[in-house]
Amino acid sequence: MGAAAKRAHAAPVIDVVLASALWAREPAAEEIVRRAIGAAAAAADAPASVALSVMLADDSAVRALNARWRGKDEPTNVLSFPAAASAGSGMLGDIAIAYETTAREAADQNKSFKHHLVHLAVHGYLHLLGYDHANDREAKKMERLEAEILARLGVPDPYVTRDRTV
């Protein structure tokens, strides 16, 4: 078996931590996150033998993280914390996803909670790999890759508005 074939099977090790009882409302959340990140790792040609953690939290916990690390005292849907490059531990980083914000955004955008969770997990993972949306060029590159990954998972492109006509 060639190196490329071996690499294709090297999915990241994902530690999912249920940090809020609210996630009991979505019993498949852990599997959804694992599947989304696995698909993102395959599509983004991620480094082999890496690990990451995903904290399924509530708005309060994510708000505290957002305030401490980004200076924004408000909840947000997903936060990513890449591991230091010098760590050499194989740890890619950490992702935190807020239940209430995820549910609210899904309802506001008329999409399923599951689809929105898939998108947020993929989005957070791509941030760990160094993708960003700080400028238009970076945003377009990241959004194209997200849409490709989501399509593989049967999730509609979140960047296409439903009222747009071609």
Protein backbone atom coordinates (compact mmCIF):
# COMPACT_ATOMS: atom_id res chain seq x y z
CA MET A 1 0.00 0.00 0.00
CA GLY A 2 1.44 3.40 -1.01
CA ALA A 3 1.96 6.36 1.30
CA ALA A 4 -1.04 8.20 -0.16
CA ALA A 5 -3.35 5.26 0.52
CA LYS A 6 -2.05 4.92 4.07
CA ARG A 7 -2.52 8.62 4.67
CA ALA A 8 -6.11 8.50 3.42
CA HIS A 9 -6.96 6.11 6.26
CA ALA A 10 -5.20 8.09 9.01
CA ALA A 11 -8.15 9.85 10.60
CA PRO A 12 -7.45 12.21 13.48
CA VAL A 13 -7.95 11.01 17.02
CA ILE A 14 -10.86 13.07 18.34
CA ASP A 15 -11.64 13.44 22.03
CA VAL A 16 -15.21 14.74 22.36
CA VAL A 17 -16.08 16.18 25.76
CA LEU A 18 -19.73 16.75 26.64
CA ALA A 19 -19.37 19.81 28.85
CA SER A 20 -23.06 20.71 28.98
CA ALA A 21 -26.16 18.65 29.70
CA LEU A 22 -27.91 20.60 26.90
CA TRP A 23 -26.21 18.34 24.36
CA ALA A 24 -28.36 15.44 25.62
CA ARG A 25 -31.04 16.95 23.36
CA GLU A 26 -28.85 15.91 20.40
CA PRO A 27 -27.73 12.37 21.26
CA ALA A 28 -25.97 11.94 17.89
CA ALA A 29 -23.85 15.08 18.33
CA GLU A 30 -20.64 13.25 19.18
CA GLU A 31 -20.89 11.00 16.11
CA ILE A 32 -21.84 13.97 13.91
CA VAL A 33 -18.74 15.86 15.03
CA ARG A 34 -16.46 12.86 14.49
CA ARG A 35 -17.84 12.21 11.01
CA ALA A 36 -17.60 15.89 10.00
CA ILE A 37 -14.01 16.22 11.18
CA GLY A 38 -13.04 12.93 9.56
CA ALA A 39 -14.41 14.17 6.23
CA ALA A 40 -12.64 17.51 6.66
CA ALA A 41 -9.34 15.78 7.45
CA ALA A 42 -9.61 13.66 4.29
CA ALA A 43 -10.54 16.59 2.05
CA ALA A 44 -7.97 19.00 3.45
CA ASP A 45 -5.16 16.42 3.27
CA ALA A 46 -4.51 16.98 6.97
CA PRO A 47 -1.36 15.75 8.65
CA ALA A 48 -1.43 12.11 9.71
CA SER A 49 -1.42 10.99 13.33
CA VAL A 50 -2.88 14.09 14.93
CA ALA A 51 -5.26 14.47 17.80
CA LEU A 52 -7.70 17.16 18.81
CA SER A 53 -10.39 17.75 21.36
CA VAL A 54 -13.89 19.07 20.82
CA MET A 55 -15.79 20.49 23.76
CA LEU A 56 -19.55 20.48 23.29
CA ALA A 57 -20.38 23.29 25.68
CA ASP A 58 -23.03 25.87 26.42
CA ASP A 59 -23.10 29.60 25.67
CA SER A 60 -21.79 30.47 29.12
CA ALA A 61 -18.61 28.40 28.75
CA VAL A 62 -17.94 29.56 25.20
CA ARG A 63 -18.60 33.16 26.21
CA ALA A 64 -15.97 32.86 28.97
CA LEU A 65 -13.45 31.42 26.49
CA ASN A 66 -14.27 34.11 23.94
CA ALA A 67 -13.80 36.84 26.55
CA ARG A 68 -10.54 35.43 27.86
CA TRP A 69 -8.82 34.55 24.58
CA ARG A 70 -10.37 36.95 22.07
CA GLY A 71 -11.45 39.88 24.25
CA LYS A 72 -15.07 39.48 23.12
CA ASP A 73 -17.46 39.10 26.04
CA GLU A 74 -20.18 37.32 24.10
CA PRO A 75 -21.05 33.78 23.12
CA THR A 76 -20.22 32.57 19.65
CA ASN A 77 -20.96 29.37 17.77
CA VAL A 78 -17.48 27.84 17.50
CA LEU A 79 -13.99 28.65 18.73
CA SER A 80 -10.75 27.00 17.64
CA PHE A 81 -7.50 26.99 19.56
CA PRO A 82 -4.60 25.61 17.49
CA ALA A 83 -1.86 23.92 19.49
CA ALA A 84 1.51 25.63 19.56
CA ALA A 85 3.61 24.55 16.58
CA SER A 86 6.54 23.87 18.88
CA ALA A 87 4.53 21.41 20.97
CA GLY A 88 5.52 18.46 18.77
CA SER A 89 2.97 16.33 20.58
CA GLY A 90 0.77 15.54 17.61
CA MET A 91 -1.95 17.62 19.23
CA LEU A 92 -3.65 19.76 16.59
CA GLY A 93 -5.66 21.85 19.04
CA ASP A 94 -9.07 22.32 20.62
CA ILE A 95 -12.52 23.28 19.38
CA ALA A 96 -15.44 24.52 21.48
CA ILE A 97 -19.02 24.57 20.16
CA ALA A 98 -21.86 26.33 22.00
CA TYR A 99 -25.20 24.52 22.07
CA GLU A 100 -27.58 27.47 22.41
CA THR A 101 -25.92 29.58 19.71
CA THR A 102 -25.80 26.59 17.36
CA ALA A 103 -29.51 25.88 17.93
CA ARG A 104 -30.50 29.55 17.60
CA GLU A 105 -28.53 30.04 14.38
CA ALA A 106 -29.92 26.85 12.86
CA ALA A 107 -33.48 28.00 13.60
CA ASP A 108 -32.80 31.55 12.34
CA GLN A 109 -31.27 30.20 9.11
CA ASN A 110 -34.00 27.57 8.58
CA LYS A 111 -31.56 24.67 8.59
CA SER A 112 -31.39 21.54 10.64
CA PHE A 113 -29.38 21.52 13.86
CA LYS A 114 -27.44 18.53 12.51
CA HIS A 115 -26.41 20.34 9.33
CA HIS A 116 -25.34 23.41 11.24
CA LEU A 117 -23.34 21.31 13.71
CA VAL A 118 -21.58 19.57 10.81
CA HIS A 119 -20.69 22.97 9.35
CA LEU A 120 -19.38 24.32 12.64
CA ALA A 121 -17.26 21.21 13.28
CA VAL A 122 -15.75 21.43 9.78
CA HIS A 123 -15.22 25.19 10.15
CA GLY A 124 -13.52 24.81 13.53
CA TYR A 125 -11.30 22.00 12.27
CA LEU A 126 -10.18 23.99 9.23
CA HIS A 127 -9.16 26.82 11.57
CA LEU A 128 -6.94 24.32 13.41
CA LEU A 129 -5.27 23.56 10.08
CA GLY A 130 -4.55 27.25 9.53
CA TYR A 131 -7.45 28.23 7.28
CA ASP A 132 -8.93 31.64 8.02
CA HIS A 133 -11.40 34.21 6.74
CA ALA A 134 -9.65 37.42 7.77
CA ASN A 135 -9.73 38.75 4.20
CA ASP A 136 -11.84 38.06 1.10
CA ARG A 137 -9.25 35.83 -0.60
CA GLU A 138 -8.78 33.64 2.48
CA ALA A 139 -12.53 33.55 3.12
CA LYS A 140 -13.31 32.39 -0.43
CA LYS A 141 -10.69 29.63 -0.22
CA MET A 142 -11.98 28.43 3.16
CA GLU A 143 -15.64 28.65 2.12
CA ARG A 144 -15.00 26.67 -1.10
CA LEU A 145 -13.33 23.89 0.87
CA GLU A 146 -16.09 23.91 3.49
CA ALA A 147 -18.77 23.67 0.78
CA GLU A 148 -16.91 20.75 -0.85
CA ILE A 149 -16.64 18.88 2.46
CA LEU A 150 -20.26 19.59 3.37
CA ALA A 151 -21.45 18.37 -0.04
CA ARG A 152 -19.66 15.05 0.57
CA LEU A 153 -21.66 14.79 3.79
CA GLY A 154 -24.99 15.70 2.18
CA VAL A 155 -25.13 19.16 3.77
CA PRO A 156 -26.22 22.14 1.63
CA ASP A 157 -23.72 24.92 0.99
CA PRO A 158 -24.25 27.42 3.86
CA TYR A 159 -22.78 30.24 1.77
CA VAL A 160 -25.44 30.08 -0.94
CA THR A 161 -28.53 32.08 -0.12
CA ARG A 162 -31.79 30.36 -0.90
CA ASP A 163 -33.31 33.40 -2.54
CA ARG A 164 -30.40 33.89 -4.97
CA THR A 165 -31.38 33.34 -8.59
CA VAL A 166 -28.92 32.09 -11.16
